[in-house]
C-alpha atoms as a PDB file:
ATOM      1  CA  MET A   1      42.305  25.543  -8.248  1.00  0.00           C
ATOM      2  CA  ASN A   2      39.712  28.270  -7.974  1.00  0.00           C
ATOM      3  CA  LYS A   3      35.944  27.945  -7.875  1.00  0.00           C
ATOM      4  CA  ASP A   4      35.352  29.087 -11.471  1.00  0.00           C
ATOM      5  CA  THR A   5      37.843  26.552 -12.820  1.00  0.00           C
ATOM      6  CA  VAL A   6      36.176  23.740 -10.884  1.00  0.00           C
ATOM      7  CA  ILE A   7      32.722  24.807 -12.076  1.00  0.00           C
ATOM      8  CA  LYS A   8      33.857  24.868 -15.718  1.00  0.00           C
ATOM      9  CA  HIS A   9      35.490  21.459 -15.335  1.00  0.00           C
ATOM     10  CA  TYR A  10      32.357  19.970 -13.767  1.00  0.00           C
ATOM     11  CA  GLN A  11      30.123  21.454 -16.474  1.00  0.00           C
ATOM     12  CA  HIS A  12      32.380  20.003 -19.152  1.00  0.00           C
ATOM     13  CA  SER A  13      32.383  16.598 -17.418  1.00  0.00           C
ATOM     14  CA  ILE A  14      28.579  16.414 -17.710  1.00  0.00           C
ATOM     15  CA  GLU A  15      28.713  17.278 -21.403  1.00  0.00           C
ATOM     16  CA  TRP A  16      31.487  14.763 -22.013  1.00  0.00           C
ATOM     17  CA  LEU A  17      29.725  12.026 -20.066  1.00  0.00           C
ATOM     18  CA  GLN A  18      26.679  12.309 -22.287  1.00  0.00           C
ATOM     19  CA  SER A  19      28.891  11.239 -25.203  1.00  0.00           C
ATOM     20  CA  LEU A  20      29.488   7.907 -23.467  1.00  0.00           C
ATOM     21  CA  THR A  21      25.977   6.805 -24.366  1.00  0.00           C
ATOM     22  CA  GLU A  22      27.476   6.105 -27.819  1.00  0.00           C
ATOM     23  CA  LEU A  23      29.770   3.367 -26.486  1.00  0.00           C
ATOM     24  CA  THR A  24      28.983  -0.273 -26.966  1.00  0.00           C
ATOM     25  CA  ASP A  25      28.206  -2.257 -23.838  1.00  0.00           C
ATOM     26  CA  LYS A  26      31.525  -4.066 -24.283  1.00  0.00           C
ATOM     27  CA  GLU A  27      33.397  -0.741 -24.368  1.00  0.00           C
ATOM     28  CA  TRP A  28      31.445   0.500 -21.321  1.00  0.00           C
ATOM     29  CA  ARG A  29      32.192  -2.630 -19.267  1.00  0.00           C
ATOM     30  CA  SER A  30      35.736  -3.539 -20.380  1.00  0.00           C
ATOM     31  CA  ALA A  31      38.763  -2.548 -18.328  1.00  0.00           C
ATOM     32  CA  ILE A  32      40.547   0.437 -19.835  1.00  0.00           C
ATOM     33  CA  ALA A  33      43.858  -1.424 -19.380  1.00  0.00           C
ATOM     34  CA  GLU A  34      45.122  -4.582 -17.725  1.00  0.00           C
ATOM     35  CA  GLY A  35      44.314  -4.444 -14.008  1.00  0.00           C
ATOM     36  CA  LYS A  36      42.298  -1.215 -14.364  1.00  0.00           C
ATOM     37  CA  TRP A  37      38.634  -0.404 -13.950  1.00  0.00           C
ATOM     38  CA  SER A  38      36.060  -0.230 -16.715  1.00  0.00           C
ATOM     39  CA  ILE A  39      34.573   3.071 -17.822  1.00  0.00           C
ATOM     40  CA  ALA A  40      31.409   2.070 -15.940  1.00  0.00           C
ATOM     41  CA  GLU A  41      33.352   1.631 -12.708  1.00  0.00           C
ATOM     42  CA  ILE A  42      35.293   4.858 -13.170  1.00  0.00           C
ATOM     43  CA  ILE A  43      32.158   6.926 -13.757  1.00  0.00           C
ATOM     44  CA  ALA A  44      30.242   5.231 -10.915  1.00  0.00           C
ATOM     45  CA  HIS A  45      32.955   5.986  -8.380  1.00  0.00           C
ATOM     46  CA  PHE A  46      32.559   9.740  -8.911  1.00  0.00           C
ATOM     47  CA  VAL A  47      28.949   9.665  -7.667  1.00  0.00           C
ATOM     48  CA  PRO A  48      29.536   8.998  -3.943  1.00  0.00           C
ATOM     49  CA  TRP A  49      32.470  11.418  -3.924  1.00  0.00           C
ATOM     50  CA  ASP A  50      30.302  14.139  -5.418  1.00  0.00           C
ATOM     51  CA  GLU A  51      27.627  13.312  -2.830  1.00  0.00           C
ATOM     52  CA  PHE A  52      30.222  13.564  -0.068  1.00  0.00           C
ATOM     53  CA  ILE A  53      31.401  16.941  -1.315  1.00  0.00           C
ATOM     54  CA  LEU A  54      27.832  18.160  -1.762  1.00  0.00           C
ATOM     55  CA  HIS A  55      26.611  17.119   1.681  1.00  0.00           C
ATOM     56  CA  ASP A  56      29.735  17.191   3.856  1.00  0.00           C
ATOM     57  CA  ARG A  57      32.380  19.510   2.433  1.00  0.00           C
ATOM     58  CA  LEU A  58      31.061  22.065   0.002  1.00  0.00           C
ATOM     59  CA  LYS A  59      30.424  24.912   2.391  1.00  0.00           C
ATOM     60  CA  GLU A  60      33.976  24.689   3.728  1.00  0.00           C
ATOM     61  CA  CYS A  61      35.783  24.313   0.388  1.00  0.00           C
ATOM     62  CA  TRP A  62      36.407  27.987  -0.391  1.00  0.00           C
ATOM     63  CA  ASN A  63      35.980  29.467   3.061  1.00  0.00           C
ATOM     64  CA  GLU A  64      39.145  28.325   4.822  1.00  0.00           C
ATOM     65  CA  GLN A  65      37.263  26.176   7.331  1.00  0.00           C
ATOM     66  CA  ALA A  66      38.432  22.784   8.519  1.00  0.00           C
ATOM     67  CA  LEU A  67      37.207  20.010   6.236  1.00  0.00           C
ATOM     68  CA  PRO A  68      35.313  17.040   7.682  1.00  0.00           C
ATOM     69  CA  GLN A  69      36.982  13.646   7.634  1.00  0.00           C
ATOM     70  CA  ALA A  70      36.561  11.797   4.330  1.00  0.00           C
ATOM     71  CA  PRO A  71      35.073   8.318   4.235  1.00  0.00           C
ATOM     72  CA  ASP A  72      37.297   5.292   3.685  1.00  0.00           C
ATOM     73  CA  ALA A  73      38.330   5.803   0.042  1.00  0.00           C
ATOM     74  CA  LEU A  74      39.123   2.174  -0.722  1.00  0.00           C
ATOM     75  CA  GLU A  75      35.813   0.952   0.673  1.00  0.00           C
ATOM     76  CA  MET A  76      33.744   3.626  -1.047  1.00  0.00           C
ATOM     77  CA  ASN A  77      35.503   3.060  -4.376  1.00  0.00           C
ATOM     78  CA  GLN A  78      35.075  -0.717  -4.142  1.00  0.00           C
ATOM     79  CA  GLN A  79      31.352  -0.379  -3.368  1.00  0.00           C
ATOM     80  CA  SER A  80      30.920   2.000  -6.295  1.00  0.00           C
ATOM     81  CA  ALA A  81      32.732  -0.311  -8.697  1.00  0.00           C
ATOM     82  CA  GLU A  82      30.618  -3.240  -7.535  1.00  0.00           C
ATOM     83  CA  ARG A  83      27.423  -1.277  -8.094  1.00  0.00           C
ATOM     84  CA  ALA A  84      28.570  -0.264 -11.580  1.00  0.00           C
ATOM     85  CA  ARG A  85      29.018  -3.912 -12.525  1.00  0.00           C
ATOM     86  CA  LYS A  86      25.346  -4.570 -11.744  1.00  0.00           C
ATOM     87  CA  GLU A  87      23.458  -1.498 -12.920  1.00  0.00           C
ATOM     88  CA  GLU A  88      22.500  -0.351 -16.381  1.00  0.00           C
ATOM     89  CA  ARG A  89      24.667   2.240 -18.098  1.00  0.00           C
ATOM     90  CA  SER A  90      21.751   4.684 -18.240  1.00  0.00           C
ATOM     91  CA  GLU A  91      21.372   4.431 -14.456  1.00  0.00           C
ATOM     92  CA  THR A  92      25.076   5.055 -13.810  1.00  0.00           C
ATOM     93  CA  ILE A  93      25.134   8.003 -16.208  1.00  0.00           C
ATOM     94  CA  GLY A  94      21.866   9.344 -14.811  1.00  0.00           C
ATOM     95  CA  ARG A  95      23.124   9.188 -11.222  1.00  0.00           C
ATOM     96  CA  PHE A  96      26.357  10.921 -12.194  1.00  0.00           C
ATOM     97  CA  ILE A  97      24.592  13.716 -14.067  1.00  0.00           C
ATOM     98  CA  SER A  98      22.005  14.199 -11.341  1.00  0.00           C
ATOM     99  CA  VAL A  99      24.490  14.496  -8.488  1.00  0.00           C
ATOM    100  CA  ARG A 100      27.039  16.491 -10.478  1.00  0.00           C
ATOM    101  CA  THR A 101      24.317  18.938 -11.591  1.00  0.00           C
ATOM    102  CA  GLU A 102      23.108  19.398  -8.013  1.00  0.00           C
ATOM    103  CA  LEU A 103      26.694  19.895  -6.859  1.00  0.00           C
ATOM    104  CA  LEU A 104      27.247  22.499  -9.573  1.00  0.00           C
ATOM    105  CA  GLN A 105      24.110  24.398  -8.601  1.00  0.00           C
ATOM    106  CA  GLU A 106      25.200  24.508  -4.968  1.00  0.00           C
ATOM    107  CA  MET A 107      28.773  25.471  -5.862  1.00  0.00           C
ATOM    108  CA  LYS A 108      27.517  28.468  -7.810  1.00  0.00           C
ATOM    109  CA  LYS A 109      25.646  29.736  -4.734  1.00  0.00           C
ATOM    110  CA  ILE A 110      28.705  29.823  -2.482  1.00  0.00           C
ATOM    111  CA  GLU A 111      30.630  33.042  -2.127  1.00  0.00           C
ATOM    112  CA  PRO A 112      34.281  32.448  -1.252  1.00  0.00           C
ATOM    113  CA  SER A 113      35.592  34.230   1.813  1.00  0.00           C
ATOM    114  CA  ARG A 114      38.663  35.479  -0.051  1.00  0.00           C
END
């Protein structure tokens, strides 16, 4: 996947996420299927991953450099899901949009080495 494709996808994800403000609280907090996360938990788990990419991996992504070790995925995802269960929808959406927007701005600044 190239940089432009990722940027377009991330821009679209912000636009799409804003439509989730129309959901009822029940829709926001109900599991999407048996044994699955809620929409709140799914959205919340993107935030720390975007932060990780922004702060620890972005500069290496398109420049063929070794990538730093990722955090423990299970632990980070569990913590994110737990937080989503406690915070307001507007806070979860706001955190997502804020971090994703910052990540997009930084992605646009990077010139790939190839």
